[in-house]
Amino acid sequence: MLKLPEARITHTISGRLRIKIPSKKGNNSYFGSLEQKLSGCDGVQGVKANAVTASVLLLHNVNINSIAKFAEENRLFKVQSLGHERTLLVDRIRNSFEDLNRRTKNLTGGELDIASAAVLSLISLSIYQIARGNFFAPAWYTSLWYAGNMVFKSSDNN
């Protein structure tokens, strides 16, 4: 009997699971077949496989153990470990914001991201505070300061 390729879970948040299968990297036919077969797993709502990165992204509403069991029973791959590693709170928050940022970009066709929306909000809040006559309250200039910093930091990444 042929040995199943080993897979590892590289990222998981509620409803999303990314699995890497390094031994199959670059194998377009394997990942094409994998995408089709995993779509038949109960509770899996979407599958996006990428042979270049050797990864599979699953959108689901089922227990990860069920997906791993389905994959093994259908001779697709074997997940190395289902132990849930503890994730730092900061990492979970960052991952949530990255996901929200990705969704915002998709929704706006790449025209707006979370940083841009925050900058616009902070500038608007500053203008509102100035219009109300709050020249001495820290809110308007603090908002402008934060907005400016966000603009400069986001331009550093480009």
N, C-alpha and C. Protein backbone atom coordinates (compact mmCIF):
# COMPACT_ATOMS: atom_id res chain seq x y z
N MET A 1 0.84 -1.18 0.00
CA MET A 1 0.00 0.00 0.00
C MET A 1 0.90 1.25 0.00
N LEU A 2 0.55 2.23 -0.83
CA LEU A 2 1.33 3.45 -0.92
C LEU A 2 1.15 4.31 0.31
N LYS A 3 2.22 4.91 0.72
CA LYS A 3 2.19 5.81 1.88
C LYS A 3 1.53 7.13 1.47
N LEU A 4 0.67 7.64 2.34
CA LEU A 4 0.01 8.92 2.08
C LEU A 4 0.97 10.07 2.28
N PRO A 5 0.83 11.12 1.45
CA PRO A 5 1.67 12.30 1.68
C PRO A 5 1.36 12.93 3.04
N GLU A 6 2.39 13.39 3.71
CA GLU A 6 2.19 14.04 5.01
C GLU A 6 1.79 15.48 4.82
N ALA A 7 0.81 15.90 5.61
CA ALA A 7 0.31 17.27 5.56
C ALA A 7 0.41 17.87 6.94
N ARG A 8 0.53 19.19 6.97
CA ARG A 8 0.52 19.87 8.27
C ARG A 8 -0.39 21.08 8.20
N ILE A 9 -1.06 21.30 9.29
CA ILE A 9 -1.94 22.47 9.39
C ILE A 9 -1.05 23.67 9.70
N THR A 10 -1.10 24.66 8.83
CA THR A 10 -0.25 25.83 9.03
C THR A 10 -1.01 27.02 9.57
N HIS A 11 -2.32 27.01 9.41
CA HIS A 11 -3.10 28.14 9.90
C HIS A 11 -4.55 27.71 10.05
N THR A 12 -5.15 28.13 11.13
CA THR A 12 -6.57 27.85 11.31
C THR A 12 -7.22 28.95 12.14
N ILE A 13 -8.33 29.43 11.63
CA ILE A 13 -9.23 30.30 12.37
C ILE A 13 -10.62 29.78 12.10
N SER A 14 -11.58 30.25 12.81
CA SER A 14 -12.94 29.77 12.67
C SER A 14 -13.39 29.80 11.21
N GLY A 15 -13.69 28.63 10.68
CA GLY A 15 -14.21 28.54 9.32
C GLY A 15 -13.15 28.51 8.23
N ARG A 16 -11.87 28.62 8.58
CA ARG A 16 -10.79 28.61 7.59
C ARG A 16 -9.67 27.69 8.07
N LEU A 17 -9.15 26.93 7.14
CA LEU A 17 -8.08 25.99 7.47
C LEU A 17 -7.09 25.97 6.30
N ARG A 18 -5.81 26.15 6.60
CA ARG A 18 -4.78 26.04 5.57
C ARG A 18 -3.89 24.86 5.91
N ILE A 19 -3.72 24.02 4.90
CA ILE A 19 -2.91 22.81 5.04
C ILE A 19 -1.81 22.85 3.99
N LYS A 20 -0.59 22.48 4.39
CA LYS A 20 0.53 22.39 3.44
C LYS A 20 0.92 20.93 3.28
N ILE A 21 1.24 20.60 2.04
CA ILE A 21 1.68 19.24 1.70
C ILE A 21 2.99 19.39 0.91
N PRO A 22 4.09 19.59 1.62
CA PRO A 22 5.37 19.92 0.96
C PRO A 22 5.85 18.89 -0.06
N SER A 23 5.59 17.63 0.17
CA SER A 23 6.09 16.59 -0.75
C SER A 23 5.43 16.65 -2.12
N LYS A 24 4.33 17.35 -2.24
CA LYS A 24 3.60 17.44 -3.51
C LYS A 24 3.76 18.81 -4.18
N LYS A 25 4.67 19.62 -3.66
CA LYS A 25 4.88 20.96 -4.19
C LYS A 25 5.15 20.91 -5.70
N GLY A 26 4.43 21.73 -6.45
CA GLY A 26 4.59 21.81 -7.89
C GLY A 26 3.81 20.78 -8.68
N ASN A 27 3.13 19.87 -8.01
CA ASN A 27 2.38 18.81 -8.67
C ASN A 27 0.95 19.30 -8.96
N ASN A 28 0.78 19.92 -10.13
CA ASN A 28 -0.51 20.52 -10.49
C ASN A 28 -1.65 19.50 -10.55
N SER A 29 -1.37 18.32 -11.06
CA SER A 29 -2.45 17.32 -11.17
C SER A 29 -2.90 16.86 -9.78
N TYR A 30 -1.97 16.68 -8.86
CA TYR A 30 -2.34 16.28 -7.50
C TYR A 30 -3.22 17.34 -6.85
N PHE A 31 -2.80 18.61 -6.91
CA PHE A 31 -3.56 19.66 -6.25
C PHE A 31 -4.90 19.93 -6.93
N GLY A 32 -4.95 19.74 -8.26
CA GLY A 32 -6.23 19.87 -8.96
C GLY A 32 -7.20 18.80 -8.51
N SER A 33 -6.71 17.57 -8.43
CA SER A 33 -7.53 16.46 -7.96
C SER A 33 -7.93 16.64 -6.50
N LEU A 34 -6.98 17.11 -5.70
CA LEU A 34 -7.24 17.34 -4.28
C LEU A 34 -8.35 18.36 -4.08
N GLU A 35 -8.30 19.44 -4.85
CA GLU A 35 -9.33 20.48 -4.75
C GLU A 35 -10.71 19.90 -5.05
N GLN A 36 -10.78 19.10 -6.10
CA GLN A 36 -12.06 18.49 -6.48
C GLN A 36 -12.57 17.52 -5.42
N LYS A 37 -11.68 16.65 -4.94
CA LYS A 37 -12.10 15.63 -3.97
C LYS A 37 -12.47 16.24 -2.62
N LEU A 38 -11.70 17.23 -2.13
CA LEU A 38 -12.02 17.84 -0.84
C LEU A 38 -13.33 18.62 -0.89
N SER A 39 -13.73 19.06 -2.08
CA SER A 39 -15.01 19.75 -2.22
C SER A 39 -16.18 18.83 -1.88
N GLY A 40 -15.95 17.52 -1.97
CA GLY A 40 -16.99 16.55 -1.65
C GLY A 40 -17.09 16.21 -0.18
N CYS A 41 -16.24 16.78 0.64
CA CYS A 41 -16.27 16.52 2.08
C CYS A 41 -17.43 17.28 2.72
N ASP A 42 -18.25 16.58 3.50
CA ASP A 42 -19.37 17.23 4.18
C ASP A 42 -18.87 18.37 5.07
N GLY A 43 -19.50 19.53 4.94
CA GLY A 43 -19.14 20.67 5.77
C GLY A 43 -18.09 21.57 5.14
N VAL A 44 -17.49 21.14 4.03
CA VAL A 44 -16.51 21.97 3.33
C VAL A 44 -17.26 22.80 2.30
N GLN A 45 -17.14 24.11 2.42
CA GLN A 45 -17.89 25.02 1.55
C GLN A 45 -17.06 25.53 0.38
N GLY A 46 -15.76 25.50 0.51
CA GLY A 46 -14.90 25.96 -0.57
C GLY A 46 -13.49 25.43 -0.39
N VAL A 47 -12.83 25.19 -1.52
CA VAL A 47 -11.46 24.68 -1.50
C VAL A 47 -10.67 25.42 -2.56
N LYS A 48 -9.49 25.88 -2.18
CA LYS A 48 -8.58 26.53 -3.12
C LYS A 48 -7.21 25.91 -2.93
N ALA A 49 -6.78 25.15 -3.92
CA ALA A 49 -5.48 24.48 -3.84
C ALA A 49 -4.47 25.24 -4.69
N ASN A 50 -3.21 25.23 -4.25
CA ASN A 50 -2.15 25.93 -4.95
C ASN A 50 -0.91 25.05 -4.97
N ALA A 51 -0.59 24.53 -6.15
CA ALA A 51 0.57 23.64 -6.29
C ALA A 51 1.89 24.37 -6.08
N VAL A 52 1.93 25.66 -6.41
CA VAL A 52 3.17 26.43 -6.27
C VAL A 52 3.58 26.56 -4.81
N THR A 53 2.59 26.81 -3.93
CA THR A 53 2.88 26.96 -2.50
C THR A 53 2.66 25.65 -1.73
N ALA A 54 2.19 24.63 -2.43
CA ALA A 54 1.90 23.32 -1.82
C ALA A 54 0.88 23.43 -0.71
N SER A 55 -0.11 24.30 -0.90
CA SER A 55 -1.09 24.50 0.17
C SER A 55 -2.52 24.38 -0.33
N VAL A 56 -3.40 24.12 0.63
CA VAL A 56 -4.83 24.02 0.36
C VAL A 56 -5.54 24.87 1.41
N LEU A 57 -6.40 25.75 0.95
CA LEU A 57 -7.23 26.56 1.83
C LEU A 57 -8.64 26.01 1.80
N LEU A 58 -9.17 25.70 2.97
CA LEU A 58 -10.53 25.17 3.05
C LEU A 58 -11.39 26.13 3.85
N LEU A 59 -12.56 26.44 3.32
CA LEU A 59 -13.58 27.18 4.05
C LEU A 59 -14.59 26.13 4.49
N HIS A 60 -14.88 26.10 5.77
CA HIS A 60 -15.67 24.98 6.29
C HIS A 60 -16.52 25.38 7.48
N ASN A 61 -17.45 24.50 7.82
CA ASN A 61 -18.22 24.64 9.04
C ASN A 61 -18.32 23.29 9.75
N VAL A 62 -17.19 22.60 9.76
CA VAL A 62 -17.11 21.27 10.33
C VAL A 62 -15.85 21.17 11.18
N ASN A 63 -15.79 20.18 12.03
CA ASN A 63 -14.63 19.92 12.86
C ASN A 63 -13.43 19.54 12.00
N ILE A 64 -12.26 20.05 12.34
CA ILE A 64 -11.05 19.77 11.57
C ILE A 64 -10.74 18.28 11.56
N ASN A 65 -11.06 17.59 12.63
CA ASN A 65 -10.84 16.14 12.68
C ASN A 65 -11.62 15.43 11.58
N SER A 66 -12.81 15.92 11.28
CA SER A 66 -13.63 15.32 10.22
C SER A 66 -12.97 15.48 8.86
N ILE A 67 -12.38 16.65 8.63
CA ILE A 67 -11.68 16.89 7.36
C ILE A 67 -10.46 15.97 7.26
N ALA A 68 -9.71 15.87 8.35
CA ALA A 68 -8.52 15.01 8.36
C ALA A 68 -8.90 13.55 8.12
N LYS A 69 -9.98 13.12 8.75
CA LYS A 69 -10.45 11.74 8.58
C LYS A 69 -10.89 11.50 7.13
N PHE A 70 -11.62 12.45 6.56
CA PHE A 70 -12.06 12.35 5.16
C PHE A 70 -10.85 12.23 4.23
N ALA A 71 -9.86 13.06 4.46
CA ALA A 71 -8.66 13.06 3.61
C ALA A 71 -7.93 11.72 3.69
N GLU A 72 -7.83 11.19 4.89
CA GLU A 72 -7.13 9.92 5.07
C GLU A 72 -7.93 8.76 4.46
N GLU A 73 -9.24 8.74 4.70
CA GLU A 73 -10.08 7.67 4.15
C GLU A 73 -10.11 7.68 2.63
N ASN A 74 -9.97 8.85 2.03
CA ASN A 74 -9.98 8.98 0.58
C ASN A 74 -8.58 8.97 -0.01
N ARG A 75 -7.59 8.61 0.82
CA ARG A 75 -6.20 8.45 0.39
C ARG A 75 -5.63 9.73 -0.22
N LEU A 76 -5.98 10.90 0.37
CA LEU A 76 -5.51 12.19 -0.13
C LEU A 76 -4.21 12.60 0.56
N PHE A 77 -4.21 12.58 1.89
CA PHE A 77 -3.05 12.92 2.70
C PHE A 77 -3.33 12.53 4.14
N LYS A 78 -2.28 12.56 4.95
CA LYS A 78 -2.42 12.30 6.38
C LYS A 78 -1.88 13.51 7.13
N VAL A 79 -2.71 14.07 7.98
CA VAL A 79 -2.29 15.21 8.78
C VAL A 79 -1.34 14.71 9.85
N GLN A 80 -0.16 15.34 9.93
CA GLN A 80 0.88 14.91 10.87
C GLN A 80 0.41 14.97 12.31
N SER A 81 -0.25 16.05 12.69
CA SER A 81 -0.66 16.21 14.08
C SER A 81 -1.91 17.06 14.12
N LEU A 82 -2.85 16.63 14.92
CA LEU A 82 -4.05 17.42 15.10
C LEU A 82 -4.04 18.14 16.44
N GLY A 83 -2.91 18.05 17.13
CA GLY A 83 -2.79 18.78 18.39
C GLY A 83 -2.93 20.27 18.14
N HIS A 84 -3.71 20.91 18.92
CA HIS A 84 -3.93 22.34 18.74
C HIS A 84 -2.87 23.11 19.51
N GLU A 85 -1.97 23.73 18.75
CA GLU A 85 -0.94 24.53 19.39
C GLU A 85 -1.57 25.82 19.90
N ARG A 86 -1.10 26.24 21.02
CA ARG A 86 -1.62 27.49 21.59
C ARG A 86 -1.09 28.66 20.76
N THR A 87 -2.00 29.52 20.41
CA THR A 87 -1.65 30.69 19.62
C THR A 87 -1.71 31.90 20.53
N LEU A 88 -0.70 32.75 20.43
CA LEU A 88 -0.70 33.97 21.21
C LEU A 88 -1.90 34.83 20.82
N LEU A 89 -2.45 35.50 21.79
CA LEU A 89 -3.59 36.37 21.55
C LEU A 89 -3.25 37.40 20.47
N VAL A 90 -2.07 37.94 20.52
CA VAL A 90 -1.66 38.95 19.53
C VAL A 90 -1.69 38.35 18.12
N ASP A 91 -1.24 37.11 17.97
CA ASP A 91 -1.27 36.46 16.66
C ASP A 91 -2.70 36.26 16.18
N ARG A 92 -3.58 35.86 17.08
CA ARG A 92 -4.98 35.66 16.68
C ARG A 92 -5.62 36.98 16.28
N ILE A 93 -5.32 38.04 17.00
CA ILE A 93 -5.87 39.36 16.65
C ILE A 93 -5.31 39.81 15.30
N ARG A 94 -4.00 39.66 15.12
CA ARG A 94 -3.39 40.04 13.85
C ARG A 94 -3.99 39.24 12.69
N ASN A 95 -4.18 37.94 12.89
CA ASN A 95 -4.76 37.10 11.84
C ASN A 95 -6.18 37.53 11.51
N SER A 96 -6.93 37.92 12.53
CA SER A 96 -8.30 38.39 12.30
C SER A 96 -8.29 39.69 11.49
N PHE A 97 -7.39 40.61 11.84
CA PHE A 97 -7.30 41.86 11.09
C PHE A 97 -6.80 41.62 9.66
N GLU A 98 -5.87 40.70 9.49
CA GLU A 98 -5.40 40.37 8.14
C GLU A 98 -6.54 39.81 7.30
N ASP A 99 -7.36 38.97 7.92
CA ASP A 99 -8.51 38.41 7.21
C ASP A 99 -9.52 39.51 6.86
N LEU A 100 -9.79 40.40 7.82
CA LEU A 100 -10.70 41.52 7.58
C LEU A 100 -10.14 42.43 6.49
N ASN A 101 -8.85 42.67 6.51
CA ASN A 101 -8.20 43.50 5.50
C ASN A 101 -8.34 42.87 4.12
N ARG A 102 -8.12 41.56 4.04
CA ARG A 102 -8.24 40.84 2.78
C ARG A 102 -9.67 40.94 2.24
N ARG A 103 -10.65 40.77 3.12
CA ARG A 103 -12.06 40.86 2.72
C ARG A 103 -12.42 42.27 2.26
N THR A 104 -11.90 43.27 2.97
CA THR A 104 -12.16 44.67 2.59
C THR A 104 -11.60 44.96 1.21
N LYS A 105 -10.38 44.51 0.97
CA LYS A 105 -9.77 44.71 -0.36
C LYS A 105 -10.58 44.03 -1.45
N ASN A 106 -11.02 42.80 -1.19
CA ASN A 106 -11.82 42.07 -2.17
C ASN A 106 -13.14 42.78 -2.43
N LEU A 107 -13.78 43.25 -1.38
CA LEU A 107 -15.07 43.93 -1.49
C LEU A 107 -14.97 45.23 -2.27
N THR A 108 -13.87 45.95 -2.12
CA THR A 108 -13.70 47.26 -2.77
C THR A 108 -12.83 47.18 -4.03
N GLY A 109 -12.55 45.98 -4.50
CA GLY A 109 -11.73 45.83 -5.70
C GLY A 109 -10.31 46.34 -5.52
N GLY A 110 -9.81 46.28 -4.31
CA GLY A 110 -8.44 46.70 -4.03
C GLY A 110 -8.29 48.20 -3.80
N GLU A 111 -9.39 48.94 -3.83
CA GLU A 111 -9.34 50.39 -3.67
C GLU A 111 -9.17 50.83 -2.22
N LEU A 112 -9.61 50.00 -1.28
CA LEU A 112 -9.60 50.41 0.12
C LEU A 112 -9.14 49.23 0.97
N ASP A 113 -8.31 49.52 1.96
CA ASP A 113 -7.94 48.51 2.94
C ASP A 113 -8.22 49.07 4.33
N ILE A 114 -7.97 48.28 5.36
CA ILE A 114 -8.28 48.70 6.72
C ILE A 114 -7.49 49.94 7.12
N ALA A 115 -6.22 50.01 6.75
CA ALA A 115 -5.41 51.18 7.11
C ALA A 115 -5.97 52.44 6.45
N SER A 116 -6.35 52.35 5.19
CA SER A 116 -6.92 53.51 4.50
C SER A 116 -8.24 53.95 5.13
N ALA A 117 -9.08 52.97 5.48
CA ALA A 117 -10.35 53.29 6.12
C ALA A 117 -10.11 53.96 7.48
N ALA A 118 -9.11 53.49 8.21
CA ALA A 118 -8.79 54.09 9.51
C ALA A 118 -8.28 55.52 9.33
N VAL A 119 -7.43 55.74 8.33
CA VAL A 119 -6.92 57.08 8.05
C VAL A 119 -8.07 58.02 7.73
N LEU A 120 -8.96 57.60 6.84
CA LEU A 120 -10.11 58.44 6.48
C LEU A 120 -10.98 58.73 7.69
N SER A 121 -11.19 57.73 8.53
CA SER A 121 -12.00 57.92 9.73
C SER A 121 -11.35 58.91 10.70
N LEU A 122 -10.04 58.76 10.90
CA LEU A 122 -9.34 59.65 11.83
C LEU A 122 -9.29 61.09 11.31
N ILE A 123 -9.09 61.26 10.02
CA ILE A 123 -9.09 62.60 9.44
C ILE A 123 -10.49 63.22 9.58
N SER A 124 -11.52 62.42 9.30
CA SER A 124 -12.91 62.90 9.44
C SER A 124 -13.20 63.30 10.88
N LEU A 125 -12.74 62.49 11.83
CA LEU A 125 -12.94 62.81 13.24
C LEU A 125 -12.21 64.11 13.60
N SER A 126 -11.04 64.31 13.06
CA SER A 126 -10.28 65.54 13.32
C SER A 126 -11.03 66.76 12.79
N ILE A 127 -11.52 66.67 11.58
CA ILE A 127 -12.27 67.78 10.98
C ILE A 127 -13.53 68.07 11.80
N TYR A 128 -14.20 67.01 12.24
CA TYR A 128 -15.40 67.17 13.07
C TYR A 128 -15.07 67.89 14.38
N GLN A 129 -13.98 67.51 15.03
CA GLN A 129 -13.58 68.14 16.29
C GLN A 129 -13.23 69.61 16.08
N ILE A 130 -12.53 69.91 14.99
CA ILE A 130 -12.18 71.31 14.69
C ILE A 130 -13.44 72.13 14.43
N ALA A 131 -14.37 71.55 13.65
CA ALA A 131 -15.63 72.25 13.33
C ALA A 131 -16.44 72.53 14.59
N ARG A 132 -16.33 71.69 15.59
CA ARG A 132 -17.05 71.89 16.85
C ARG A 132 -16.33 72.89 17.75
N GLY A 133 -15.17 73.35 17.33
CA GLY A 133 -14.43 74.33 18.13
C GLY A 133 -13.54 73.71 19.17
N ASN A 134 -13.30 72.43 19.09
CA ASN A 134 -12.42 71.74 20.04
C ASN A 134 -10.96 71.84 19.60
N PHE A 135 -10.44 73.07 19.61
CA PHE A 135 -9.05 73.27 19.20
C PHE A 135 -8.07 72.80 20.26
N PHE A 136 -8.50 72.76 21.50
CA PHE A 136 -7.59 72.43 22.59
C PHE A 136 -7.75 71.00 23.09
N ALA A 137 -8.81 70.34 22.69
CA ALA A 137 -9.02 68.96 23.11
C ALA A 137 -8.03 68.07 22.35
N PRO A 138 -7.47 67.10 23.00
CA PRO A 138 -6.47 66.27 22.34
C PRO A 138 -7.02 65.42 21.19
N ALA A 139 -8.32 65.25 21.13
CA ALA A 139 -8.87 64.32 20.15
C ALA A 139 -8.52 64.68 18.70
N TRP A 140 -8.64 65.96 18.32
CA TRP A 140 -8.44 66.28 16.90
C TRP A 140 -6.98 66.15 16.49
N TYR A 141 -6.06 66.64 17.29
CA TYR A 141 -4.67 66.54 16.84
C TYR A 141 -4.09 65.15 17.09
N THR A 142 -4.62 64.46 18.07
CA THR A 142 -4.21 63.08 18.27
C THR A 142 -4.65 62.24 17.08
N SER A 143 -5.88 62.48 16.63
CA SER A 143 -6.38 61.75 15.46
C SER A 143 -5.54 62.05 14.23
N LEU A 144 -5.20 63.33 14.04
CA LEU A 144 -4.37 63.68 12.89
C LEU A 144 -2.98 63.04 12.99
N TRP A 145 -2.45 63.01 14.19
CA TRP A 145 -1.14 62.38 14.41
C TRP A 145 -1.18 60.90 14.03
N TYR A 146 -2.21 60.21 14.53
CA TYR A 146 -2.35 58.79 14.20
C TYR A 146 -2.55 58.58 12.71
N ALA A 147 -3.37 59.41 12.10
CA ALA A 147 -3.62 59.30 10.67
C ALA A 147 -2.32 59.49 9.89
N GLY A 148 -1.55 60.51 10.26
CA GLY A 148 -0.27 60.74 9.59
C GLY A 148 0.68 59.57 9.75
N ASN A 149 0.77 59.04 10.95
CA ASN A 149 1.64 57.88 11.18
C ASN A 149 1.21 56.69 10.35
N MET A 150 -0.11 56.48 10.25
CA MET A 150 -0.60 55.35 9.46
C MET A 150 -0.26 55.52 7.99
N VAL A 151 -0.37 56.75 7.50
CA VAL A 151 -0.03 57.01 6.10
C VAL A 151 1.44 56.70 5.85
N PHE A 152 2.31 57.19 6.72
CA PHE A 152 3.74 56.95 6.53
C PHE A 152 4.11 55.48 6.69
N LYS A 153 3.50 54.80 7.64
CA LYS A 153 3.80 53.38 7.84
C LYS A 153 3.30 52.54 6.68
N SER A 154 2.11 52.86 6.16
CA SER A 154 1.60 52.08 5.04
C SER A 154 2.40 52.33 3.78
N SER A 155 2.97 53.55 3.63
CA SER A 155 3.79 53.83 2.45
C SER A 155 5.15 53.16 2.55
N ASP A 156 5.60 52.84 3.78
CA ASP A 156 6.86 52.12 3.96
C ASP A 156 6.76 50.70 3.45
N ASN A 157 5.55 50.10 3.52
CA ASN A 157 5.35 48.72 3.11
C ASN A 157 5.22 48.55 1.61
N ASN A 158 5.05 49.64 0.90
CA ASN A 158 4.83 49.54 -0.56
C ASN A 158 6.11 49.72 -1.31
